[in-house]
């Protein structure tokens, strides 16, 4: 992912988590509704701790998140991929990547885009 894609994805997730982007430094986010919150960078793209807070919020909205590691053979080589699904009665998202965190990150971004349209 490029820096621009990461910033765009992190901004989408931060807003979903009730943060707003700083007007002067686009990599800094503040909690919405708090005038003097301590702002900081967000690390949804690279931190399990940050990403799992988002996964918990999605699951509290009654959507299921599933993660699988699948090993298969491709051209006589072992290929391992991580799959992440987000499911509900009205949505099914499937993303895969060699890196588990990236698979979850990409599926969460797709979910939030869908969720924002729905709301």
N, C-alpha and C. Protein backbone atom coordinates (compact mmCIF):
# COMPACT_ATOMS: atom_id res chain seq x y z
N UNK A 1 0.84 -1.18 0.00
CA UNK A 1 0.00 0.00 0.00
C UNK A 1 0.88 1.25 0.00
N UNK A 2 0.41 2.26 -0.70
CA UNK A 2 1.15 3.52 -0.72
C UNK A 2 0.82 4.33 0.53
N UNK A 3 1.63 5.34 0.81
CA UNK A 3 1.37 6.22 1.95
C UNK A 3 -0.01 6.89 1.81
N UNK A 4 -0.35 7.27 0.59
CA UNK A 4 -1.64 7.92 0.34
C UNK A 4 -2.80 6.96 0.64
N UNK A 5 -2.68 5.70 0.22
CA UNK A 5 -3.72 4.70 0.49
C UNK A 5 -3.85 4.43 1.99
N UNK A 6 -2.70 4.37 2.67
CA UNK A 6 -2.72 4.14 4.12
C UNK A 6 -3.40 5.30 4.83
N UNK A 7 -3.05 6.53 4.47
CA UNK A 7 -3.66 7.70 5.10
C UNK A 7 -5.16 7.74 4.85
N UNK A 8 -5.57 7.43 3.64
CA UNK A 8 -7.00 7.42 3.29
C UNK A 8 -7.74 6.34 4.08
N UNK A 9 -7.15 5.14 4.15
CA UNK A 9 -7.78 4.05 4.90
C UNK A 9 -7.83 4.34 6.39
N UNK A 10 -6.74 4.85 6.94
CA UNK A 10 -6.72 5.18 8.37
C UNK A 10 -7.71 6.29 8.71
N UNK A 11 -7.86 7.25 7.81
CA UNK A 11 -8.83 8.33 8.03
C UNK A 11 -10.25 7.77 8.07
N UNK A 12 -10.56 6.88 7.14
CA UNK A 12 -11.90 6.26 7.10
C UNK A 12 -12.18 5.51 8.40
N UNK A 13 -11.20 4.73 8.84
CA UNK A 13 -11.38 3.95 10.07
C UNK A 13 -11.46 4.88 11.28
N UNK A 14 -10.61 5.89 11.35
CA UNK A 14 -10.61 6.82 12.48
C UNK A 14 -11.97 7.51 12.61
N UNK A 15 -12.54 7.94 11.50
CA UNK A 15 -13.86 8.58 11.55
C UNK A 15 -14.92 7.60 12.02
N UNK A 16 -14.83 6.34 11.61
CA UNK A 16 -15.74 5.29 12.07
C UNK A 16 -15.62 5.10 13.58
N UNK A 17 -14.40 5.31 14.09
CA UNK A 17 -14.13 5.15 15.52
C UNK A 17 -14.34 6.46 16.29
N UNK A 18 -14.95 7.45 15.66
CA UNK A 18 -15.32 8.72 16.28
C UNK A 18 -14.14 9.67 16.51
N UNK A 19 -13.19 9.65 15.60
CA UNK A 19 -12.09 10.60 15.62
C UNK A 19 -12.20 11.52 14.41
N UNK A 20 -11.62 12.68 14.52
CA UNK A 20 -11.59 13.61 13.38
C UNK A 20 -10.16 14.01 13.08
N UNK A 21 -9.92 14.30 11.82
CA UNK A 21 -8.57 14.64 11.36
C UNK A 21 -8.20 16.07 11.74
N UNK A 22 -6.98 16.24 12.17
CA UNK A 22 -6.46 17.57 12.48
C UNK A 22 -6.37 18.38 11.18
N UNK A 23 -6.72 19.64 11.26
CA UNK A 23 -6.71 20.48 10.05
C UNK A 23 -5.29 20.85 9.60
N UNK A 24 -4.34 20.89 10.53
CA UNK A 24 -2.97 21.29 10.19
C UNK A 24 -2.09 20.10 9.82
N UNK A 25 -2.21 19.00 10.56
CA UNK A 25 -1.40 17.82 10.30
C UNK A 25 -2.35 16.66 10.01
N UNK A 26 -2.42 16.24 8.75
CA UNK A 26 -3.39 15.25 8.32
C UNK A 26 -3.15 13.85 8.88
N UNK A 27 -2.02 13.62 9.51
CA UNK A 27 -1.76 12.32 10.12
C UNK A 27 -2.17 12.28 11.59
N UNK A 28 -2.63 13.38 12.12
CA UNK A 28 -3.05 13.47 13.52
C UNK A 28 -4.57 13.45 13.60
N UNK A 29 -5.10 12.72 14.58
CA UNK A 29 -6.55 12.62 14.78
C UNK A 29 -6.89 12.92 16.23
N UNK A 30 -8.04 13.56 16.44
CA UNK A 30 -8.53 13.91 17.77
C UNK A 30 -9.89 13.27 17.98
N UNK A 31 -10.20 12.95 19.22
CA UNK A 31 -11.51 12.41 19.55
C UNK A 31 -12.56 13.49 19.30
N UNK A 32 -13.61 13.15 18.57
CA UNK A 32 -14.66 14.12 18.26
C UNK A 32 -15.37 14.57 19.53
N UNK A 33 -15.73 15.84 19.56
CA UNK A 33 -16.53 16.36 20.66
C UNK A 33 -15.72 16.78 21.87
N UNK A 34 -14.42 16.55 21.85
CA UNK A 34 -13.59 16.97 22.97
C UNK A 34 -12.67 18.06 22.45
N UNK A 35 -12.86 19.24 22.99
CA UNK A 35 -12.18 20.42 22.46
C UNK A 35 -10.66 20.32 22.52
N UNK A 36 -10.14 19.84 23.62
CA UNK A 36 -8.68 19.83 23.79
C UNK A 36 -8.15 18.41 23.98
N UNK A 37 -8.59 17.49 23.16
CA UNK A 37 -8.09 16.12 23.31
C UNK A 37 -6.64 16.06 22.85
N UNK A 38 -5.94 15.12 23.39
CA UNK A 38 -4.55 14.91 22.96
C UNK A 38 -4.61 14.12 21.67
N UNK A 39 -4.18 14.74 20.60
CA UNK A 39 -4.22 14.08 19.30
C UNK A 39 -2.98 13.24 19.07
N UNK A 40 -3.08 12.36 18.12
CA UNK A 40 -1.94 11.54 17.78
C UNK A 40 -2.16 10.83 16.47
N UNK A 41 -1.11 10.19 16.01
CA UNK A 41 -1.20 9.40 14.78
C UNK A 41 -1.99 8.13 15.05
N UNK A 42 -2.59 7.60 14.02
CA UNK A 42 -3.30 6.33 14.14
C UNK A 42 -2.52 5.26 13.38
N UNK A 43 -2.62 4.03 13.86
CA UNK A 43 -1.82 2.94 13.30
C UNK A 43 -2.67 1.72 12.98
N UNK A 44 -3.86 1.94 12.42
CA UNK A 44 -4.73 0.82 12.09
C UNK A 44 -4.08 -0.13 11.09
N UNK A 45 -3.26 0.40 10.20
CA UNK A 45 -2.63 -0.39 9.15
C UNK A 45 -1.47 -1.25 9.63
N UNK A 46 -0.97 -1.00 10.84
CA UNK A 46 0.23 -1.71 11.28
C UNK A 46 0.19 -2.24 12.71
N UNK A 47 -0.92 -2.06 13.42
CA UNK A 47 -0.97 -2.47 14.82
C UNK A 47 -2.20 -3.34 15.09
N UNK A 48 -1.95 -4.53 15.66
CA UNK A 48 -3.07 -5.40 16.04
C UNK A 48 -3.94 -4.73 17.09
N UNK A 49 -3.34 -4.03 18.04
CA UNK A 49 -4.12 -3.38 19.10
C UNK A 49 -5.10 -2.37 18.51
N UNK A 50 -4.63 -1.55 17.59
CA UNK A 50 -5.51 -0.55 16.97
C UNK A 50 -6.60 -1.23 16.15
N UNK A 51 -6.23 -2.23 15.37
CA UNK A 51 -7.19 -2.87 14.48
C UNK A 51 -8.23 -3.68 15.23
N UNK A 52 -7.85 -4.30 16.34
CA UNK A 52 -8.80 -5.12 17.09
C UNK A 52 -9.88 -4.28 17.77
N UNK A 53 -9.55 -3.03 18.11
CA UNK A 53 -10.60 -2.14 18.64
C UNK A 53 -11.70 -1.93 17.60
N UNK A 54 -11.31 -1.84 16.34
CA UNK A 54 -12.27 -1.65 15.25
C UNK A 54 -13.07 -2.94 15.05
N UNK A 55 -12.37 -4.08 15.07
CA UNK A 55 -13.04 -5.37 14.92
C UNK A 55 -14.09 -5.56 16.02
N UNK A 56 -13.75 -5.18 17.24
CA UNK A 56 -14.70 -5.28 18.36
C UNK A 56 -15.94 -4.42 18.10
N UNK A 57 -15.74 -3.21 17.61
CA UNK A 57 -16.88 -2.32 17.33
C UNK A 57 -17.78 -2.93 16.25
N UNK A 58 -17.17 -3.50 15.22
CA UNK A 58 -17.95 -4.12 14.14
C UNK A 58 -18.74 -5.30 14.69
N UNK A 59 -18.10 -6.12 15.51
CA UNK A 59 -18.81 -7.26 16.09
C UNK A 59 -19.92 -6.82 17.04
N UNK A 60 -19.74 -5.70 17.72
CA UNK A 60 -20.81 -5.17 18.58
C UNK A 60 -21.99 -4.65 17.77
N UNK A 61 -21.78 -4.41 16.47
CA UNK A 61 -22.87 -4.02 15.58
C UNK A 61 -23.58 -5.25 15.00
N UNK A 62 -23.23 -6.44 15.51
CA UNK A 62 -23.81 -7.74 15.11
C UNK A 62 -23.35 -8.24 13.75
N UNK A 63 -22.10 -8.00 13.42
CA UNK A 63 -21.48 -8.59 12.24
C UNK A 63 -20.38 -9.52 12.72
N UNK A 64 -20.18 -10.61 12.01
CA UNK A 64 -19.17 -11.59 12.38
C UNK A 64 -17.91 -11.40 11.56
N UNK A 65 -16.77 -11.50 12.22
CA UNK A 65 -15.49 -11.42 11.54
C UNK A 65 -14.80 -12.77 11.69
N UNK A 66 -14.44 -13.36 10.55
CA UNK A 66 -13.76 -14.64 10.55
C UNK A 66 -12.40 -14.52 9.89
N UNK A 67 -11.42 -15.22 10.43
CA UNK A 67 -10.06 -15.17 9.88
C UNK A 67 -9.57 -16.60 9.70
N UNK A 68 -9.06 -16.90 8.51
CA UNK A 68 -8.55 -18.23 8.22
C UNK A 68 -7.19 -18.14 7.55
N UNK A 69 -6.38 -19.13 7.80
CA UNK A 69 -5.11 -19.26 7.08
C UNK A 69 -5.24 -20.50 6.20
N UNK A 70 -5.05 -20.31 4.91
CA UNK A 70 -5.22 -21.41 3.97
C UNK A 70 -3.88 -21.66 3.28
N UNK A 71 -3.51 -22.92 3.27
CA UNK A 71 -2.28 -23.33 2.58
C UNK A 71 -2.68 -24.15 1.37
N UNK A 72 -2.16 -23.80 0.21
CA UNK A 72 -2.44 -24.59 -0.98
C UNK A 72 -1.21 -24.62 -1.87
N UNK A 73 -1.24 -25.48 -2.86
CA UNK A 73 -0.10 -25.63 -3.76
C UNK A 73 -0.40 -24.92 -5.07
N UNK A 74 0.55 -24.15 -5.52
CA UNK A 74 0.40 -23.39 -6.76
C UNK A 74 1.72 -23.50 -7.52
N UNK A 75 1.68 -24.11 -8.69
CA UNK A 75 2.89 -24.29 -9.50
C UNK A 75 4.02 -24.93 -8.69
N UNK A 76 3.69 -26.02 -8.01
CA UNK A 76 4.65 -26.80 -7.21
C UNK A 76 5.26 -26.03 -6.05
N UNK A 77 4.61 -24.95 -5.63
CA UNK A 77 5.07 -24.20 -4.47
C UNK A 77 3.93 -24.12 -3.46
N UNK A 78 4.29 -24.11 -2.21
CA UNK A 78 3.29 -23.92 -1.16
C UNK A 78 2.97 -22.44 -1.08
N UNK A 79 1.71 -22.14 -1.09
CA UNK A 79 1.27 -20.74 -1.00
C UNK A 79 0.35 -20.62 0.22
N UNK A 80 0.69 -19.69 1.10
CA UNK A 80 -0.12 -19.47 2.29
C UNK A 80 -0.77 -18.11 2.19
N UNK A 81 -2.07 -18.08 2.41
CA UNK A 81 -2.79 -16.82 2.38
C UNK A 81 -3.73 -16.75 3.57
N UNK A 82 -3.97 -15.54 4.00
CA UNK A 82 -4.89 -15.29 5.10
C UNK A 82 -6.17 -14.69 4.52
N UNK A 83 -7.28 -15.21 4.96
CA UNK A 83 -8.57 -14.73 4.48
C UNK A 83 -9.33 -14.12 5.65
N UNK A 84 -9.98 -13.02 5.39
CA UNK A 84 -10.82 -12.39 6.40
C UNK A 84 -12.21 -12.20 5.81
N UNK A 85 -13.22 -12.63 6.54
CA UNK A 85 -14.60 -12.41 6.11
C UNK A 85 -15.31 -11.56 7.15
N UNK A 86 -16.17 -10.69 6.68
CA UNK A 86 -17.09 -9.97 7.55
C UNK A 86 -18.48 -10.29 7.02
N UNK A 87 -19.31 -10.85 7.89
CA UNK A 87 -20.62 -11.32 7.47
C UNK A 87 -21.73 -10.78 8.36
N UNK A 88 -22.86 -10.59 7.75
CA UNK A 88 -24.08 -10.23 8.45
C UNK A 88 -25.22 -10.65 7.57
N UNK A 89 -26.43 -10.40 8.00
CA UNK A 89 -27.56 -10.82 7.17
C UNK A 89 -27.62 -10.08 5.85
N UNK A 90 -26.97 -8.92 5.77
CA UNK A 90 -27.06 -8.10 4.57
C UNK A 90 -25.72 -7.81 3.92
N UNK A 91 -24.64 -8.51 4.34
CA UNK A 91 -23.33 -8.25 3.74
C UNK A 91 -22.43 -9.47 3.88
N UNK A 92 -21.57 -9.64 2.86
CA UNK A 92 -20.53 -10.66 2.92
C UNK A 92 -19.30 -10.08 2.22
N UNK A 93 -18.24 -9.90 2.97
CA UNK A 93 -17.00 -9.35 2.43
C UNK A 93 -15.92 -10.41 2.60
N UNK A 94 -15.14 -10.62 1.56
CA UNK A 94 -14.02 -11.55 1.64
C UNK A 94 -12.78 -10.85 1.10
N UNK A 95 -11.74 -10.82 1.89
CA UNK A 95 -10.46 -10.25 1.47
C UNK A 95 -9.36 -11.24 1.81
N UNK A 96 -8.32 -11.26 0.99
CA UNK A 96 -7.19 -12.13 1.30
C UNK A 96 -5.88 -11.41 1.03
N UNK A 97 -4.86 -11.87 1.73
CA UNK A 97 -3.53 -11.29 1.60
C UNK A 97 -2.55 -12.29 2.20
N UNK A 98 -1.30 -12.19 1.84
CA UNK A 98 -0.28 -13.04 2.45
C UNK A 98 -0.09 -12.68 3.92
N UNK A 99 -0.39 -11.45 4.26
CA UNK A 99 -0.24 -10.94 5.62
C UNK A 99 -1.61 -10.86 6.28
N UNK A 100 -1.75 -11.47 7.45
CA UNK A 100 -3.05 -11.53 8.12
C UNK A 100 -3.59 -10.14 8.48
N UNK A 101 -2.73 -9.28 9.01
CA UNK A 101 -3.16 -7.94 9.38
C UNK A 101 -3.68 -7.17 8.17
N UNK A 102 -3.00 -7.30 7.02
CA UNK A 102 -3.45 -6.63 5.81
C UNK A 102 -4.81 -7.13 5.34
N UNK A 103 -5.05 -8.43 5.45
CA UNK A 103 -6.34 -8.99 5.05
C UNK A 103 -7.46 -8.41 5.89
N UNK A 104 -7.23 -8.31 7.19
CA UNK A 104 -8.25 -7.76 8.08
C UNK A 104 -8.43 -6.27 7.83
N UNK A 105 -7.34 -5.55 7.67
CA UNK A 105 -7.38 -4.11 7.40
C UNK A 105 -8.20 -3.81 6.14
N UNK A 106 -7.92 -4.56 5.07
CA UNK A 106 -8.64 -4.32 3.81
C UNK A 106 -10.12 -4.66 3.93
N UNK A 107 -10.45 -5.72 4.66
CA UNK A 107 -11.87 -6.08 4.80
C UNK A 107 -12.60 -5.06 5.67
N UNK A 108 -11.94 -4.53 6.68
CA UNK A 108 -12.56 -3.51 7.53
C UNK A 108 -12.82 -2.23 6.74
N UNK A 109 -11.89 -1.86 5.88
CA UNK A 109 -12.11 -0.67 5.05
C UNK A 109 -13.32 -0.87 4.14
N UNK A 110 -13.41 -2.04 3.50
CA UNK A 110 -14.57 -2.33 2.64
C UNK A 110 -15.86 -2.29 3.45
N UNK A 111 -15.82 -2.87 4.66
CA UNK A 111 -17.01 -2.88 5.49
C UNK A 111 -17.45 -1.46 5.84
N UNK A 112 -16.52 -0.62 6.24
CA UNK A 112 -16.86 0.75 6.65
C UNK A 112 -17.44 1.53 5.48
N UNK A 113 -16.87 1.37 4.29
CA UNK A 113 -17.43 2.05 3.10
C UNK A 113 -18.86 1.61 2.89
N UNK A 114 -19.12 0.30 2.98
CA UNK A 114 -20.48 -0.21 2.82
C UNK A 114 -21.38 0.31 3.94
N UNK A 115 -20.91 0.27 5.17
CA UNK A 115 -21.69 0.68 6.33
C UNK A 115 -22.06 2.16 6.25
N UNK A 116 -21.12 2.99 5.83
CA UNK A 116 -21.40 4.44 5.71
C UNK A 116 -22.46 4.71 4.66
N UNK A 117 -22.47 3.97 3.56
CA UNK A 117 -23.52 4.12 2.54
C UNK A 117 -24.87 3.70 3.08
N UNK A 118 -24.86 2.61 3.86
CA UNK A 118 -26.09 2.07 4.43
C UNK A 118 -26.72 3.04 5.42
N UNK A 119 -25.86 3.69 6.21
CA UNK A 119 -26.35 4.62 7.23
C UNK A 119 -26.74 5.93 6.59
